[in-house]
C-alpha atoms as a PDB file:
ATOM      1  CA  MET A   1     -12.066 -28.258 -36.384  1.00  0.00           C
ATOM      2  CA  LYS A   2     -12.473 -29.134 -32.720  1.00  0.00           C
ATOM      3  CA  ILE A   3     -14.388 -26.944 -30.250  1.00  0.00           C
ATOM      4  CA  ASP A   4     -14.303 -27.496 -26.476  1.00  0.00           C
ATOM      5  CA  VAL A   5     -16.550 -25.476 -24.172  1.00  0.00           C
ATOM      6  CA  LEU A   6     -15.721 -25.024 -20.471  1.00  0.00           C
ATOM      7  CA  THR A   7     -18.723 -24.131 -18.321  1.00  0.00           C
ATOM      8  CA  ILE A   8     -20.156 -24.646 -14.853  1.00  0.00           C
ATOM      9  CA  PHE A   9     -23.553 -25.296 -16.435  1.00  0.00           C
ATOM     10  CA  PRO A  10     -23.047 -28.051 -19.048  1.00  0.00           C
ATOM     11  CA  GLU A  11     -26.803 -28.673 -19.063  1.00  0.00           C
ATOM     12  CA  PHE A  12     -27.163 -25.315 -20.803  1.00  0.00           C
ATOM     13  CA  PHE A  13     -25.849 -26.934 -23.988  1.00  0.00           C
ATOM     14  CA  ALA A  14     -28.094 -30.006 -23.963  1.00  0.00           C
ATOM     15  CA  LYS A  15     -29.231 -30.567 -27.564  1.00  0.00           C
ATOM     16  CA  VAL A  16     -28.251 -27.049 -28.674  1.00  0.00           C
ATOM     17  CA  PHE A  17     -25.668 -28.382 -31.137  1.00  0.00           C
ATOM     18  CA  ASP A  18     -28.019 -31.066 -32.469  1.00  0.00           C
ATOM     19  CA  PHE A  19     -29.845 -28.918 -35.013  1.00  0.00           C
ATOM     20  CA  GLY A  20     -29.343 -27.403 -38.444  1.00  0.00           C
ATOM     21  CA  ILE A  21     -25.965 -26.577 -39.902  1.00  0.00           C
ATOM     22  CA  ILE A  22     -23.992 -27.487 -36.772  1.00  0.00           C
ATOM     23  CA  ARG A  23     -25.615 -30.909 -36.593  1.00  0.00           C
ATOM     24  CA  ARG A  24     -24.865 -31.597 -40.252  1.00  0.00           C
ATOM     25  CA  ALA A  25     -21.279 -30.414 -39.820  1.00  0.00           C
ATOM     26  CA  ARG A  26     -20.817 -32.685 -36.820  1.00  0.00           C
ATOM     27  CA  LEU A  27     -22.267 -35.701 -38.608  1.00  0.00           C
ATOM     28  CA  ALA A  28     -20.033 -35.004 -41.617  1.00  0.00           C
ATOM     29  CA  GLY A  29     -16.941 -34.851 -39.425  1.00  0.00           C
ATOM     30  CA  ILE A  30     -16.323 -31.183 -40.251  1.00  0.00           C
ATOM     31  CA  VAL A  31     -16.397 -30.172 -36.588  1.00  0.00           C
ATOM     32  CA  GLU A  32     -16.242 -31.921 -33.221  1.00  0.00           C
ATOM     33  CA  ILE A  33     -17.862 -30.123 -30.278  1.00  0.00           C
ATOM     34  CA  ASN A  34     -17.446 -31.171 -26.633  1.00  0.00           C
ATOM     35  CA  VAL A  35     -18.816 -29.551 -23.473  1.00  0.00           C
ATOM     36  CA  HIS A  36     -16.903 -29.897 -20.200  1.00  0.00           C
ATOM     37  CA  ASP A  37     -18.041 -29.206 -16.634  1.00  0.00           C
ATOM     38  CA  ILE A  38     -15.437 -27.024 -14.916  1.00  0.00           C
ATOM     39  CA  ARG A  39     -16.490 -28.545 -11.578  1.00  0.00           C
ATOM     40  CA  GLU A  40     -15.027 -31.865 -12.708  1.00  0.00           C
ATOM     41  CA  PHE A  41     -11.578 -30.263 -12.485  1.00  0.00           C
ATOM     42  CA  ALA A  42     -11.976 -28.927  -8.934  1.00  0.00           C
ATOM     43  CA  THR A  43      -9.986 -30.894  -6.352  1.00  0.00           C
ATOM     44  CA  ASP A  44     -11.695 -30.035  -3.052  1.00  0.00           C
ATOM     45  CA  LYS A  45     -14.493 -32.221  -1.713  1.00  0.00           C
ATOM     46  CA  HIS A  46     -17.153 -29.577  -2.428  1.00  0.00           C
ATOM     47  CA  ARG A  47     -15.896 -28.984  -5.990  1.00  0.00           C
ATOM     48  CA  MET A  48     -15.730 -25.245  -5.423  1.00  0.00           C
ATOM     49  CA  VAL A  49     -15.264 -23.210  -8.605  1.00  0.00           C
ATOM     50  CA  ASP A  50     -15.807 -19.690  -7.256  1.00  0.00           C
ATOM     51  CA  ASP A  51     -14.888 -17.491  -4.313  1.00  0.00           C
ATOM     52  CA  ARG A  52     -15.245 -13.910  -3.115  1.00  0.00           C
ATOM     53  CA  PRO A  53     -13.047 -11.261  -4.763  1.00  0.00           C
ATOM     54  CA  PHE A  54      -9.977  -9.935  -2.966  1.00  0.00           C
ATOM     55  CA  GLY A  55     -10.477  -6.321  -1.994  1.00  0.00           C
ATOM     56  CA  GLY A  56     -14.168  -6.761  -1.341  1.00  0.00           C
ATOM     57  CA  GLY A  57     -17.138  -6.058  -3.529  1.00  0.00           C
ATOM     58  CA  ASP A  58     -20.272  -7.832  -4.660  1.00  0.00           C
ATOM     59  CA  GLY A  59     -20.524 -11.205  -6.311  1.00  0.00           C
ATOM     60  CA  MET A  60     -18.209 -14.122  -6.815  1.00  0.00           C
ATOM     61  CA  VAL A  61     -15.255 -14.793  -9.128  1.00  0.00           C
ATOM     62  CA  LEU A  62     -14.444 -18.057 -10.887  1.00  0.00           C
ATOM     63  CA  LYS A  63     -11.305 -19.586  -9.343  1.00  0.00           C
ATOM     64  CA  PRO A  64      -8.176 -20.210 -11.422  1.00  0.00           C
ATOM     65  CA  GLU A  65      -7.314 -23.759 -10.292  1.00  0.00           C
ATOM     66  CA  PRO A  66     -10.126 -25.708 -12.033  1.00  0.00           C
ATOM     67  CA  ILE A  67      -9.764 -23.717 -15.258  1.00  0.00           C
ATOM     68  CA  PHE A  68      -5.981 -24.218 -15.364  1.00  0.00           C
ATOM     69  CA  ALA A  69      -6.519 -27.941 -14.736  1.00  0.00           C
ATOM     70  CA  ALA A  70      -9.106 -28.129 -17.526  1.00  0.00           C
ATOM     71  CA  ILE A  71      -6.822 -26.410 -20.039  1.00  0.00           C
ATOM     72  CA  GLU A  72      -3.900 -28.660 -19.065  1.00  0.00           C
ATOM     73  CA  ASN A  73      -6.138 -31.686 -19.541  1.00  0.00           C
ATOM     74  CA  LEU A  74      -7.266 -30.534 -23.002  1.00  0.00           C
ATOM     75  CA  LEU A  75      -4.022 -29.055 -24.332  1.00  0.00           C
ATOM     76  CA  GLY A  76      -1.301 -30.712 -22.279  1.00  0.00           C
ATOM     77  CA  THR A  77      -0.002 -27.354 -21.035  1.00  0.00           C
ATOM     78  CA  SER A  78      -1.079 -24.149 -19.328  1.00  0.00           C
ATOM     79  CA  ASP A  79       1.510 -22.106 -21.208  1.00  0.00           C
ATOM     80  CA  ARG A  80      -0.240 -20.391 -24.109  1.00  0.00           C
ATOM     81  CA  GLY A  81       3.107 -20.011 -25.823  1.00  0.00           C
ATOM     82  CA  ALA A  82       3.342 -23.794 -25.992  1.00  0.00           C
ATOM     83  CA  TYR A  83      -0.152 -24.493 -27.316  1.00  0.00           C
ATOM     84  CA  PRO A  84      -0.329 -26.695 -30.438  1.00  0.00           C
ATOM     85  CA  SER A  85      -0.460 -24.778 -33.714  1.00  0.00           C
ATOM     86  CA  GLY A  86      -3.944 -23.502 -34.571  1.00  0.00           C
ATOM     87  CA  THR A  87      -5.125 -23.461 -30.942  1.00  0.00           C
ATOM     88  CA  ARG A  88      -7.212 -20.549 -29.659  1.00  0.00           C
ATOM     89  CA  VAL A  89      -8.336 -20.285 -26.032  1.00  0.00           C
ATOM     90  CA  VAL A  90     -11.218 -17.827 -25.889  1.00  0.00           C
ATOM     91  CA  LEU A  91     -12.510 -16.084 -22.788  1.00  0.00           C
ATOM     92  CA  LEU A  92     -16.064 -14.866 -23.379  1.00  0.00           C
ATOM     93  CA  SER A  93     -16.568 -11.599 -21.517  1.00  0.00           C
ATOM     94  CA  PRO A  94     -18.031  -8.086 -21.947  1.00  0.00           C
ATOM     95  CA  GLN A  95     -14.495  -6.661 -21.855  1.00  0.00           C
ATOM     96  CA  GLY A  96     -13.341  -8.548 -24.945  1.00  0.00           C
ATOM     97  CA  ARG A  97     -12.722  -7.682 -28.586  1.00  0.00           C
ATOM     98  CA  PRO A  98     -16.050  -7.171 -30.396  1.00  0.00           C
ATOM     99  CA  PHE A  99     -17.083 -10.282 -32.291  1.00  0.00           C
ATOM    100  CA  LYS A 100     -17.827  -9.515 -35.929  1.00  0.00           C
ATOM    101  CA  GLN A 101     -18.074 -11.451 -39.160  1.00  0.00           C
ATOM    102  CA  ALA A 102     -14.412 -10.767 -39.920  1.00  0.00           C
ATOM    103  CA  VAL A 103     -13.445 -12.319 -36.573  1.00  0.00           C
ATOM    104  CA  ALA A 104     -15.606 -15.371 -37.291  1.00  0.00           C
ATOM    105  CA  ARG A 105     -13.852 -15.708 -40.654  1.00  0.00           C
ATOM    106  CA  GLU A 106     -10.445 -15.365 -38.951  1.00  0.00           C
ATOM    107  CA  PHE A 107     -11.259 -18.242 -36.594  1.00  0.00           C
ATOM    108  CA  ALA A 108     -12.737 -20.405 -39.363  1.00  0.00           C
ATOM    109  CA  ASP A 109      -9.679 -19.917 -41.559  1.00  0.00           C
ATOM    110  CA  ASP A 110      -6.902 -20.159 -38.983  1.00  0.00           C
ATOM    111  CA  ALA A 111      -8.067 -22.152 -35.952  1.00  0.00           C
ATOM    112  CA  LYS A 112      -7.946 -25.924 -35.665  1.00  0.00           C
ATOM    113  CA  HIS A 113      -8.896 -26.182 -32.006  1.00  0.00           C
ATOM    114  CA  ILE A 114     -10.957 -23.602 -30.115  1.00  0.00           C
ATOM    115  CA  VAL A 115     -11.444 -23.778 -26.360  1.00  0.00           C
ATOM    116  CA  MET A 116     -14.142 -21.428 -25.040  1.00  0.00           C
ATOM    117  CA  ILE A 117     -14.212 -20.437 -21.369  1.00  0.00           C
ATOM    118  CA  CYS A 118     -17.665 -19.318 -20.252  1.00  0.00           C
ATOM    119  CA  GLY A 119     -17.402 -16.660 -17.571  1.00  0.00           C
ATOM    120  CA  ARG A 120     -19.962 -16.356 -14.763  1.00  0.00           C
ATOM    121  CA  TYR A 121     -20.797 -14.114 -11.821  1.00  0.00           C
ATOM    122  CA  GLU A 122     -18.352 -11.173 -11.602  1.00  0.00           C
ATOM    123  CA  GLY A 123     -15.985 -12.837 -14.045  1.00  0.00           C
ATOM    124  CA  VAL A 124     -12.903 -15.033 -14.048  1.00  0.00           C
ATOM    125  CA  ASP A 125      -9.709 -14.697 -11.996  1.00  0.00           C
ATOM    126  CA  GLU A 126      -7.464 -12.425 -14.091  1.00  0.00           C
ATOM    127  CA  ARG A 127      -4.610 -14.941 -13.961  1.00  0.00           C
ATOM    128  CA  VAL A 128      -6.651 -17.096 -16.327  1.00  0.00           C
ATOM    129  CA  ASN A 129      -6.746 -14.239 -18.829  1.00  0.00           C
ATOM    130  CA  GLU A 130      -3.077 -13.355 -18.375  1.00  0.00           C
ATOM    131  CA  THR A 131      -1.750 -16.902 -18.733  1.00  0.00           C
ATOM    132  CA  LEU A 132      -4.189 -19.124 -20.630  1.00  0.00           C
ATOM    133  CA  VAL A 133      -6.271 -16.940 -22.920  1.00  0.00           C
ATOM    134  CA  THR A 134      -5.292 -16.113 -26.500  1.00  0.00           C
ATOM    135  CA  ASP A 135      -8.486 -14.184 -27.327  1.00  0.00           C
ATOM    136  CA  GLU A 136     -10.941 -12.308 -25.131  1.00  0.00           C
ATOM    137  CA  ILE A 137     -14.180 -11.925 -27.076  1.00  0.00           C
ATOM    138  CA  SER A 138     -17.421  -9.988 -26.495  1.00  0.00           C
ATOM    139  CA  ILE A 139     -20.569 -10.508 -28.579  1.00  0.00           C
ATOM    140  CA  GLY A 140     -21.927  -7.052 -27.779  1.00  0.00           C
ATOM    141  CA  ASP A 141     -22.025  -4.049 -25.497  1.00  0.00           C
ATOM    142  CA  TYR A 142     -24.329  -5.612 -22.931  1.00  0.00           C
ATOM    143  CA  VAL A 143     -23.964  -7.975 -19.976  1.00  0.00           C
ATOM    144  CA  LEU A 144     -25.196 -11.572 -19.894  1.00  0.00           C
ATOM    145  CA  SER A 145     -25.509 -13.807 -16.838  1.00  0.00           C
ATOM    146  CA  GLY A 146     -22.731 -15.937 -18.278  1.00  0.00           C
ATOM    147  CA  GLY A 147     -20.714 -16.759 -21.364  1.00  0.00           C
ATOM    148  CA  GLU A 148     -22.823 -19.750 -22.407  1.00  0.00           C
ATOM    149  CA  PRO A 149     -25.063 -17.888 -24.907  1.00  0.00           C
ATOM    150  CA  ALA A 150     -21.956 -16.232 -26.355  1.00  0.00           C
ATOM    151  CA  ALA A 151     -20.303 -19.635 -26.819  1.00  0.00           C
ATOM    152  CA  ILE A 152     -23.275 -20.775 -28.872  1.00  0.00           C
ATOM    153  CA  VAL A 153     -23.094 -17.608 -30.981  1.00  0.00           C
ATOM    154  CA  LEU A 154     -19.388 -18.129 -31.707  1.00  0.00           C
ATOM    155  CA  ALA A 155     -19.789 -21.816 -32.480  1.00  0.00           C
ATOM    156  CA  ASP A 156     -22.667 -21.233 -34.881  1.00  0.00           C
ATOM    157  CA  SER A 157     -21.077 -18.307 -36.727  1.00  0.00           C
ATOM    158  CA  ILE A 158     -17.690 -20.032 -37.057  1.00  0.00           C
ATOM    159  CA  VAL A 159     -18.889 -23.510 -38.014  1.00  0.00           C
ATOM    160  CA  ARG A 160     -21.064 -22.225 -40.872  1.00  0.00           C
ATOM    161  CA  LEU A 161     -17.925 -20.725 -42.443  1.00  0.00           C
ATOM    162  CA  LEU A 162     -16.006 -24.007 -42.467  1.00  0.00           C
ATOM    163  CA  PRO A 163     -15.503 -25.634 -45.880  1.00  0.00           C
ATOM    164  CA  ASP A 164     -18.542 -27.728 -46.949  1.00  0.00           C
ATOM    165  CA  ALA A 165     -20.546 -26.843 -43.819  1.00  0.00           C
ATOM    166  CA  LEU A 166     -23.234 -25.015 -45.811  1.00  0.00           C
ATOM    167  CA  GLY A 167     -23.169 -27.240 -48.855  1.00  0.00           C
ATOM    168  CA  SER A 168     -22.644 -24.220 -51.112  1.00  0.00           C
ATOM    169  CA  GLU A 169     -19.434 -22.320 -51.736  1.00  0.00           C
ATOM    170  CA  THR A 170     -21.266 -19.007 -52.192  1.00  0.00           C
ATOM    171  CA  SER A 171     -23.784 -19.081 -49.318  1.00  0.00           C
ATOM    172  CA  ALA A 172     -21.456 -17.659 -46.666  1.00  0.00           C
ATOM    173  CA  ALA A 173     -19.889 -15.215 -49.128  1.00  0.00           C
ATOM    174  CA  ASN A 174     -23.302 -13.619 -49.670  1.00  0.00           C
ATOM    175  CA  ASP A 175     -24.168 -13.215 -45.985  1.00  0.00           C
ATOM    176  CA  SER A 176     -24.587  -9.844 -44.315  1.00  0.00           C
ATOM    177  CA  PHE A 177     -21.251  -8.258 -43.306  1.00  0.00           C
ATOM    178  CA  SER A 178     -19.195 -10.584 -45.526  1.00  0.00           C
ATOM    179  CA  ASP A 179     -18.425  -7.699 -47.891  1.00  0.00           C
ATOM    180  CA  GLY A 180     -18.978  -4.950 -45.348  1.00  0.00           C
ATOM    181  CA  LEU A 181     -22.665  -4.532 -46.208  1.00  0.00           C
ATOM    182  CA  LEU A 182     -25.956  -5.908 -44.980  1.00  0.00           C
ATOM    183  CA  ASP A 183     -27.585  -8.520 -47.166  1.00  0.00           C
ATOM    184  CA  CYS A 184     -30.070  -7.564 -49.867  1.00  0.00           C
ATOM    185  CA  PRO A 185     -33.803  -8.445 -49.633  1.00  0.00           C
ATOM    186  CA  HIS A 186     -34.848 -11.942 -50.709  1.00  0.00           C
ATOM    187  CA  TYR A 187     -38.095 -13.241 -52.210  1.00  0.00           C
ATOM    188  CA  THR A 188     -39.530 -16.652 -53.080  1.00  0.00           C
ATOM    189  CA  ARG A 189     -42.745 -18.088 -54.525  1.00  0.00           C
ATOM    190  CA  PRO A 190     -45.493 -17.044 -54.964  1.00  0.00           C
ATOM    191  CA  ALA A 191     -44.583 -14.067 -57.166  1.00  0.00           C
ATOM    192  CA  GLU A 192     -47.740 -12.294 -55.963  1.00  0.00           C
ATOM    193  CA  PHE A 193     -49.080 -12.534 -52.410  1.00  0.00           C
ATOM    194  CA  ARG A 194     -51.983 -10.465 -51.092  1.00  0.00           C
ATOM    195  CA  GLY A 195     -51.343  -7.815 -53.664  1.00  0.00           C
ATOM    196  CA  MET A 196     -47.604  -7.661 -52.934  1.00  0.00           C
ATOM    197  CA  THR A 197     -45.414  -8.549 -55.899  1.00  0.00           C
ATOM    198  CA  VAL A 198     -41.809  -9.628 -56.294  1.00  0.00           C
ATOM    199  CA  PRO A 199     -39.642  -6.985 -58.029  1.00  0.00           C
ATOM    200  CA  GLU A 200     -39.768  -7.565 -61.779  1.00  0.00           C
ATOM    201  CA  VAL A 201     -35.976  -7.546 -62.094  1.00  0.00           C
ATOM    202  CA  LEU A 202     -35.790 -10.814 -60.143  1.00  0.00           C
ATOM    203  CA  LEU A 203     -38.109 -12.517 -62.615  1.00  0.00           C
ATOM    204  CA  ASN A 204     -36.528 -11.528 -65.913  1.00  0.00           C
ATOM    205  CA  GLY A 205     -33.574 -13.933 -65.837  1.00  0.00           C
ATOM    206  CA  ASN A 206     -30.995 -11.217 -66.531  1.00  0.00           C
ATOM    207  CA  HIS A 207     -28.298 -12.109 -63.997  1.00  0.00           C
ATOM    208  CA  ALA A 208     -26.281  -8.938 -64.545  1.00  0.00           C
ATOM    209  CA  GLU A 209     -29.333  -6.796 -63.776  1.00  0.00           C
ATOM    210  CA  ILE A 210     -30.194  -8.984 -60.800  1.00  0.00           C
ATOM    211  CA  GLU A 211     -26.710  -8.595 -59.301  1.00  0.00           C
ATOM    212  CA  LYS A 212     -26.832  -4.832 -59.870  1.00  0.00           C
ATOM    213  CA  TRP A 213     -30.238  -4.650 -58.151  1.00  0.00           C
ATOM    214  CA  ARG A 214     -29.017  -6.741 -55.214  1.00  0.00           C
ATOM    215  CA  ARG A 215     -25.964  -4.533 -54.772  1.00  0.00           C
ATOM    216  CA  GLU A 216     -28.089  -1.358 -54.855  1.00  0.00           C
ATOM    217  CA  LYS A 217     -30.566  -2.781 -52.343  1.00  0.00           C
ATOM    218  CA  ALA A 218     -27.756  -3.942 -50.048  1.00  0.00           C
ATOM    219  CA  LEU A 219     -26.307  -0.421 -50.069  1.00  0.00           C
ATOM    220  CA  GLU A 220     -29.760   1.070 -49.505  1.00  0.00           C
ATOM    221  CA  LYS A 221     -30.424  -1.239 -46.539  1.00  0.00           C
ATOM    222  CA  THR A 222     -27.001  -0.567 -45.060  1.00  0.00           C
ATOM    223  CA  ARG A 223     -27.409   3.217 -45.346  1.00  0.00           C
ATOM    224  CA  SER A 224     -30.791   2.983 -43.647  1.00  0.00           C
ATOM    225  CA  SER A 225     -29.965   0.562 -40.828  1.00  0.00           C
ATOM    226  CA  ARG A 226     -26.185   0.621 -40.357  1.00  0.00           C
ATOM    227  CA  GLY A 227     -24.701   3.719 -41.934  1.00  0.00           C
ATOM    228  CA  ASP A 228     -21.582   3.256 -39.820  1.00  0.00           C
ATOM    229  CA  LEU A 229     -20.621   0.293 -42.002  1.00  0.00           C
ATOM    230  CA  LEU A 230     -20.278   2.490 -45.078  1.00  0.00           C
ATOM    231  CA  SER A 231     -17.305   4.425 -43.763  1.00  0.00           C
ATOM    232  CA  GLY A 232     -15.043   1.869 -45.422  1.00  0.00           C
ATOM    233  CA  GLU A 233     -17.087   1.450 -48.577  1.00  0.00           C
ATOM    234  CA  LYS A 234     -14.849   2.609 -51.411  1.00  0.00           C
ATOM    235  CA  GLY A 235     -16.394   4.848 -53.989  1.00  0.00           C
ATOM    236  CA  GLU A 236     -19.585   5.355 -51.996  1.00  0.00           C
ATOM    237  CA  SER A 237     -20.770   8.601 -50.506  1.00  0.00           C
ATOM    238  CA  GLY A 238     -22.633   8.679 -47.201  1.00  0.00           C
END
């Protein structure tokens, strides 16, 4: 997979992709991540990337010209209908589709090239959304100063789902939300710490009982913290 990030603050991403799972995936050739400065695609002498909104109002809006030029440079076209197969151009904004584990899985399974546009100020000229963008994505019902933190969230959650990124075929499958539930509790050594002991079922070696316990605890945690997730849980009452 290839991921390109368009931002007016490329310094924001310095070293952020050089740790953990993303670093290993990059070194293994599983993913390529590049960060591009939108200002490099501005043509005026001041490299202007924003201007005041038509109709008045507070703040500034990111201009369309540099973003169109950046997309044309990366994809060879500014017509989303002509993008290469497996291409997704993502606008990160509070108005977008909520980003969930199922969406991360969709991108990991289907996308070959993801271009993320990091919004700033009052947003991006709507012509960018209407013409270039295939997916408008929000990471939550709150407002950030820009789309840069959201780009990191998407990259991390998508890359870890790519084949061989985690080094285990079952790690991602057991994550919270992968089956509609939160993850179960986890314990490690020592078996007793300051009077607190690991549940006996995890020590007895009976894998069927362990899986049953984990399922029950996942349901218990989900009911307690995120009962809304159980609406689609077949065979389970509230």
